[in-house]
Amino acid sequence: MTDRSTLHTTFTIERRLTAPPERVFAAWSDPEAKRRWSSCHEEAFEVEYRLDFRVGGTELNRATGPDGPAFVYEARFLDIVPNQRIIYAFDMHFGEKRVTVSLATVLFEPAPAGTKMTFTEQIALLDGYDDLEGRKRGTEEGMDRLQPFLEGRL
């Protein structure tokens, strides 16, 4: 019998972006834009990316290395309020093993210099996977690329 475990936690990442909420939201909703700022490690892996941005739609990010699948992210959009809110559920696999299942909420609020974006992830780490800091760091790296993307530098 395989040992099963579930560890629940939540983390929040906040960014102040120098673009209006409409432009920040568009960076999340346009497939080419989202891939440019959110995908990482494309230099080391062949990446398959798809985005069907609508309630009930899906997002897929599959990175495959020389030894087979390294990472698969699959999401389903549950709620979308243009320029204000995105809520989606997703799971992540490393190889054949599902390591996390999450619910994410992204809020876009007007701010004096642009947009306050708040990303909150409620995460279940599964079956001994305990690299919460690595997952959070990877999410932050994507968020860090969003401002340069909005400025036309990516």
C-alpha atoms as a PDB file:
ATOM      1  CA  MET A   1       0.000   0.000   0.000  1.00  0.00           C
ATOM      2  CA  THR A   2       1.241   3.476  -0.906  1.00  0.00           C
ATOM      3  CA  ASP A   3       1.440   6.115   1.821  1.00  0.00           C
ATOM      4  CA  ARG A   4      -0.912   8.996   1.134  1.00  0.00           C
ATOM      5  CA  SER A   5      -0.773  12.422   2.710  1.00  0.00           C
ATOM      6  CA  THR A   6      -2.261  15.864   2.192  1.00  0.00           C
ATOM      7  CA  LEU A   7      -0.840  19.094   3.556  1.00  0.00           C
ATOM      8  CA  HIS A   8      -2.998  22.226   3.133  1.00  0.00           C
ATOM      9  CA  THR A   9      -1.705  25.769   3.149  1.00  0.00           C
ATOM     10  CA  THR A  10      -2.295  29.161   1.553  1.00  0.00           C
ATOM     11  CA  PHE A  11       0.056  31.809   0.207  1.00  0.00           C
ATOM     12  CA  THR A  12      -0.479  35.261  -1.269  1.00  0.00           C
ATOM     13  CA  ILE A  13       1.656  37.242  -3.710  1.00  0.00           C
ATOM     14  CA  GLU A  14       0.947  40.931  -4.247  1.00  0.00           C
ATOM     15  CA  ARG A  15       2.336  43.074  -7.047  1.00  0.00           C
ATOM     16  CA  ARG A  16       1.991  46.787  -7.821  1.00  0.00           C
ATOM     17  CA  LEU A  17       2.098  47.090 -11.596  1.00  0.00           C
ATOM     18  CA  THR A  18       2.471  50.243 -13.663  1.00  0.00           C
ATOM     19  CA  ALA A  19      -0.332  49.451 -16.093  1.00  0.00           C
ATOM     20  CA  PRO A  20      -4.106  49.833 -15.743  1.00  0.00           C
ATOM     21  CA  PRO A  21      -6.177  46.802 -14.675  1.00  0.00           C
ATOM     22  CA  GLU A  22      -7.390  46.299 -18.264  1.00  0.00           C
ATOM     23  CA  ARG A  23      -3.830  45.759 -19.545  1.00  0.00           C
ATOM     24  CA  VAL A  24      -2.862  43.516 -16.628  1.00  0.00           C
ATOM     25  CA  PHE A  25      -6.027  41.429 -17.073  1.00  0.00           C
ATOM     26  CA  ALA A  26      -5.303  41.169 -20.817  1.00  0.00           C
ATOM     27  CA  ALA A  27      -1.860  39.758 -20.010  1.00  0.00           C
ATOM     28  CA  TRP A  28      -3.643  36.901 -18.207  1.00  0.00           C
ATOM     29  CA  SER A  29      -6.369  36.353 -20.805  1.00  0.00           C
ATOM     30  CA  ASP A  30      -4.451  36.427 -24.115  1.00  0.00           C
ATOM     31  CA  PRO A  31      -2.744  33.075 -24.907  1.00  0.00           C
ATOM     32  CA  GLU A  32       0.408  34.526 -26.495  1.00  0.00           C
ATOM     33  CA  ALA A  33       0.790  37.163 -23.779  1.00  0.00           C
ATOM     34  CA  LYS A  34       0.298  34.676 -20.932  1.00  0.00           C
ATOM     35  CA  ARG A  35       2.800  32.245 -22.374  1.00  0.00           C
ATOM     36  CA  ARG A  36       5.437  34.956 -22.782  1.00  0.00           C
ATOM     37  CA  TRP A  37       5.438  36.064 -19.151  1.00  0.00           C
ATOM     38  CA  SER A  38       4.292  32.964 -17.268  1.00  0.00           C
ATOM     39  CA  SER A  39       6.183  30.059 -18.860  1.00  0.00           C
ATOM     40  CA  CYS A  40       9.579  29.335 -17.439  1.00  0.00           C
ATOM     41  CA  HIS A  41      12.534  27.152 -18.370  1.00  0.00           C
ATOM     42  CA  GLU A  42      11.671  27.139 -22.082  1.00  0.00           C
ATOM     43  CA  GLU A  43      15.405  27.034 -22.863  1.00  0.00           C
ATOM     44  CA  ALA A  44      15.716  23.617 -21.155  1.00  0.00           C
ATOM     45  CA  PHE A  45      12.432  21.988 -22.209  1.00  0.00           C
ATOM     46  CA  GLU A  46      10.089  21.629 -25.134  1.00  0.00           C
ATOM     47  CA  VAL A  47       6.933  23.378 -24.012  1.00  0.00           C
ATOM     48  CA  GLU A  48       3.332  22.760 -25.057  1.00  0.00           C
ATOM     49  CA  TYR A  49       1.032  25.605 -24.074  1.00  0.00           C
ATOM     50  CA  ARG A  50      -2.706  26.154 -24.625  1.00  0.00           C
ATOM     51  CA  LEU A  51      -5.128  28.667 -23.136  1.00  0.00           C
ATOM     52  CA  ASP A  52      -8.923  28.690 -23.575  1.00  0.00           C
ATOM     53  CA  PHE A  53      -9.738  31.701 -21.401  1.00  0.00           C
ATOM     54  CA  ARG A  54     -13.432  31.500 -20.526  1.00  0.00           C
ATOM     55  CA  VAL A  55     -15.464  30.108 -17.635  1.00  0.00           C
ATOM     56  CA  GLY A  56     -15.174  26.344 -18.070  1.00  0.00           C
ATOM     57  CA  GLY A  57     -12.120  26.783 -20.294  1.00  0.00           C
ATOM     58  CA  THR A  58      -8.722  25.269 -19.624  1.00  0.00           C
ATOM     59  CA  GLU A  59      -5.035  26.071 -19.566  1.00  0.00           C
ATOM     60  CA  LEU A  60      -2.272  23.539 -20.177  1.00  0.00           C
ATOM     61  CA  ASN A  61       1.466  23.985 -19.741  1.00  0.00           C
ATOM     62  CA  ARG A  62       3.511  20.836 -20.405  1.00  0.00           C
ATOM     63  CA  ALA A  63       7.302  20.962 -20.297  1.00  0.00           C
ATOM     64  CA  THR A  64       9.076  17.888 -21.651  1.00  0.00           C
ATOM     65  CA  GLY A  65      12.786  17.237 -21.218  1.00  0.00           C
ATOM     66  CA  PRO A  66      15.101  14.671 -22.805  1.00  0.00           C
ATOM     67  CA  ASP A  67      14.081  12.057 -20.213  1.00  0.00           C
ATOM     68  CA  GLY A  68      10.323  12.496 -20.730  1.00  0.00           C
ATOM     69  CA  PRO A  69       7.656  14.675 -19.114  1.00  0.00           C
ATOM     70  CA  ALA A  70       9.085  16.848 -16.387  1.00  0.00           C
ATOM     71  CA  PHE A  71       6.157  19.074 -15.514  1.00  0.00           C
ATOM     72  CA  VAL A  72       2.453  19.314 -16.364  1.00  0.00           C
ATOM     73  CA  TYR A  73       0.130  22.107 -15.202  1.00  0.00           C
ATOM     74  CA  GLU A  74      -3.588  21.797 -16.033  1.00  0.00           C
ATOM     75  CA  ALA A  75      -6.173  24.402 -14.993  1.00  0.00           C
ATOM     76  CA  ARG A  76      -9.912  25.006 -15.328  1.00  0.00           C
ATOM     77  CA  PHE A  77     -11.383  28.509 -15.087  1.00  0.00           C
ATOM     78  CA  LEU A  78     -14.237  28.692 -12.574  1.00  0.00           C
ATOM     79  CA  ASP A  79     -15.007  32.430 -12.472  1.00  0.00           C
ATOM     80  CA  ILE A  80     -13.937  35.385 -14.602  1.00  0.00           C
ATOM     81  CA  VAL A  81     -14.961  38.998 -14.055  1.00  0.00           C
ATOM     82  CA  PRO A  82     -13.175  41.047 -16.741  1.00  0.00           C
ATOM     83  CA  ASN A  83     -10.543  43.429 -15.369  1.00  0.00           C
ATOM     84  CA  GLN A  84     -11.406  42.467 -11.768  1.00  0.00           C
ATOM     85  CA  ARG A  85     -11.086  38.760 -10.916  1.00  0.00           C
ATOM     86  CA  ILE A  86     -10.013  35.315 -12.140  1.00  0.00           C
ATOM     87  CA  ILE A  87     -10.609  32.131 -10.135  1.00  0.00           C
ATOM     88  CA  TYR A  88      -9.276  28.801 -11.335  1.00  0.00           C
ATOM     89  CA  ALA A  89      -8.451  25.331 -10.062  1.00  0.00           C
ATOM     90  CA  PHE A  90      -5.345  23.471 -11.181  1.00  0.00           C
ATOM     91  CA  ASP A  91      -3.128  20.511 -10.539  1.00  0.00           C
ATOM     92  CA  MET A  92       0.551  19.942 -11.158  1.00  0.00           C
ATOM     93  CA  HIS A  93       2.360  16.735 -12.027  1.00  0.00           C
ATOM     94  CA  PHE A  94       6.068  15.951 -12.006  1.00  0.00           C
ATOM     95  CA  GLY A  95       6.426  13.017 -14.330  1.00  0.00           C
ATOM     96  CA  GLU A  96       3.459  10.728 -13.676  1.00  0.00           C
ATOM     97  CA  LYS A  97       2.983  11.871 -10.076  1.00  0.00           C
ATOM     98  CA  ARG A  98       0.359  14.493  -9.149  1.00  0.00           C
ATOM     99  CA  VAL A  99       2.075  16.642  -6.525  1.00  0.00           C
ATOM    100  CA  THR A 100      -0.368  19.495  -5.887  1.00  0.00           C
ATOM    101  CA  VAL A 101      -3.975  20.554  -6.373  1.00  0.00           C
ATOM    102  CA  SER A 102      -4.849  24.222  -5.940  1.00  0.00           C
ATOM    103  CA  LEU A 103      -7.497  26.905  -6.068  1.00  0.00           C
ATOM    104  CA  ALA A 104      -6.162  30.293  -7.190  1.00  0.00           C
ATOM    105  CA  THR A 105      -7.779  33.723  -7.061  1.00  0.00           C
ATOM    106  CA  VAL A 106      -6.297  36.714  -8.889  1.00  0.00           C
ATOM    107  CA  LEU A 107      -7.679  40.165  -8.059  1.00  0.00           C
ATOM    108  CA  PHE A 108      -7.014  43.319 -10.096  1.00  0.00           C
ATOM    109  CA  GLU A 109      -7.628  46.636  -8.312  1.00  0.00           C
ATOM    110  CA  PRO A 110      -7.006  50.148  -9.628  1.00  0.00           C
ATOM    111  CA  ALA A 111      -4.117  51.804  -7.816  1.00  0.00           C
ATOM    112  CA  PRO A 112      -2.645  55.326  -8.084  1.00  0.00           C
ATOM    113  CA  ALA A 113       0.241  54.196 -10.309  1.00  0.00           C
ATOM    114  CA  GLY A 114      -1.609  51.399 -12.141  1.00  0.00           C
ATOM    115  CA  THR A 115      -2.843  48.116 -10.662  1.00  0.00           C
ATOM    116  CA  LYS A 116      -2.620  46.281  -7.390  1.00  0.00           C
ATOM    117  CA  MET A 117      -2.699  42.584  -8.308  1.00  0.00           C
ATOM    118  CA  THR A 118      -3.239  40.030  -5.557  1.00  0.00           C
ATOM    119  CA  PHE A 119      -2.726  36.316  -6.232  1.00  0.00           C
ATOM    120  CA  THR A 120      -3.880  33.880  -3.527  1.00  0.00           C
ATOM    121  CA  GLU A 121      -3.324  30.147  -3.832  1.00  0.00           C
ATOM    122  CA  GLN A 122      -4.963  27.575  -1.579  1.00  0.00           C
ATOM    123  CA  ILE A 123      -2.814  24.520  -2.110  1.00  0.00           C
ATOM    124  CA  ALA A 124      -2.944  20.839  -1.189  1.00  0.00           C
ATOM    125  CA  LEU A 125       0.518  19.237  -1.304  1.00  0.00           C
ATOM    126  CA  LEU A 126       0.075  15.531  -1.956  1.00  0.00           C
ATOM    127  CA  ASP A 127       1.704  12.275  -0.924  1.00  0.00           C
ATOM    128  CA  GLY A 128       4.925  13.527   0.605  1.00  0.00           C
ATOM    129  CA  TYR A 129       5.545  16.426  -1.778  1.00  0.00           C
ATOM    130  CA  ASP A 130       6.608  19.220   0.550  1.00  0.00           C
ATOM    131  CA  ASP A 131       8.399  21.807  -1.576  1.00  0.00           C
ATOM    132  CA  LEU A 132       6.029  24.681  -0.809  1.00  0.00           C
ATOM    133  CA  GLU A 133       8.880  27.194  -0.940  1.00  0.00           C
ATOM    134  CA  GLY A 134       9.902  25.964  -4.385  1.00  0.00           C
ATOM    135  CA  ARG A 135       6.331  26.204  -5.649  1.00  0.00           C
ATOM    136  CA  LYS A 136       5.924  29.686  -4.197  1.00  0.00           C
ATOM    137  CA  ARG A 137       9.286  30.794  -5.634  1.00  0.00           C
ATOM    138  CA  GLY A 138       8.301  29.491  -9.100  1.00  0.00           C
ATOM    139  CA  THR A 139       5.000  31.391  -8.933  1.00  0.00           C
ATOM    140  CA  GLU A 140       6.807  34.560  -7.820  1.00  0.00           C
ATOM    141  CA  GLU A 141       9.259  34.247 -10.726  1.00  0.00           C
ATOM    142  CA  GLY A 142       6.345  34.296 -13.163  1.00  0.00           C
ATOM    143  CA  MET A 143       4.810  37.292 -11.409  1.00  0.00           C
ATOM    144  CA  ASP A 144       8.209  39.031 -11.552  1.00  0.00           C
ATOM    145  CA  ARG A 145       8.186  38.691 -15.378  1.00  0.00           C
ATOM    146  CA  LEU A 146       4.763  40.343 -15.658  1.00  0.00           C
ATOM    147  CA  GLN A 147       6.005  43.948 -15.180  1.00  0.00           C
ATOM    148  CA  PRO A 148       8.771  43.632 -17.826  1.00  0.00           C
ATOM    149  CA  PHE A 149       6.191  42.087 -20.167  1.00  0.00           C
ATOM    150  CA  LEU A 150       3.810  45.009 -19.604  1.00  0.00           C
ATOM    151  CA  GLU A 151       6.690  47.389 -20.352  1.00  0.00           C
ATOM    152  CA  GLY A 152       7.447  45.596 -23.654  1.00  0.00           C
ATOM    153  CA  ARG A 153      10.741  44.156 -22.442  1.00  0.00           C
ATOM    154  CA  LEU A 154       9.724  40.462 -22.861  1.00  0.00           C
END
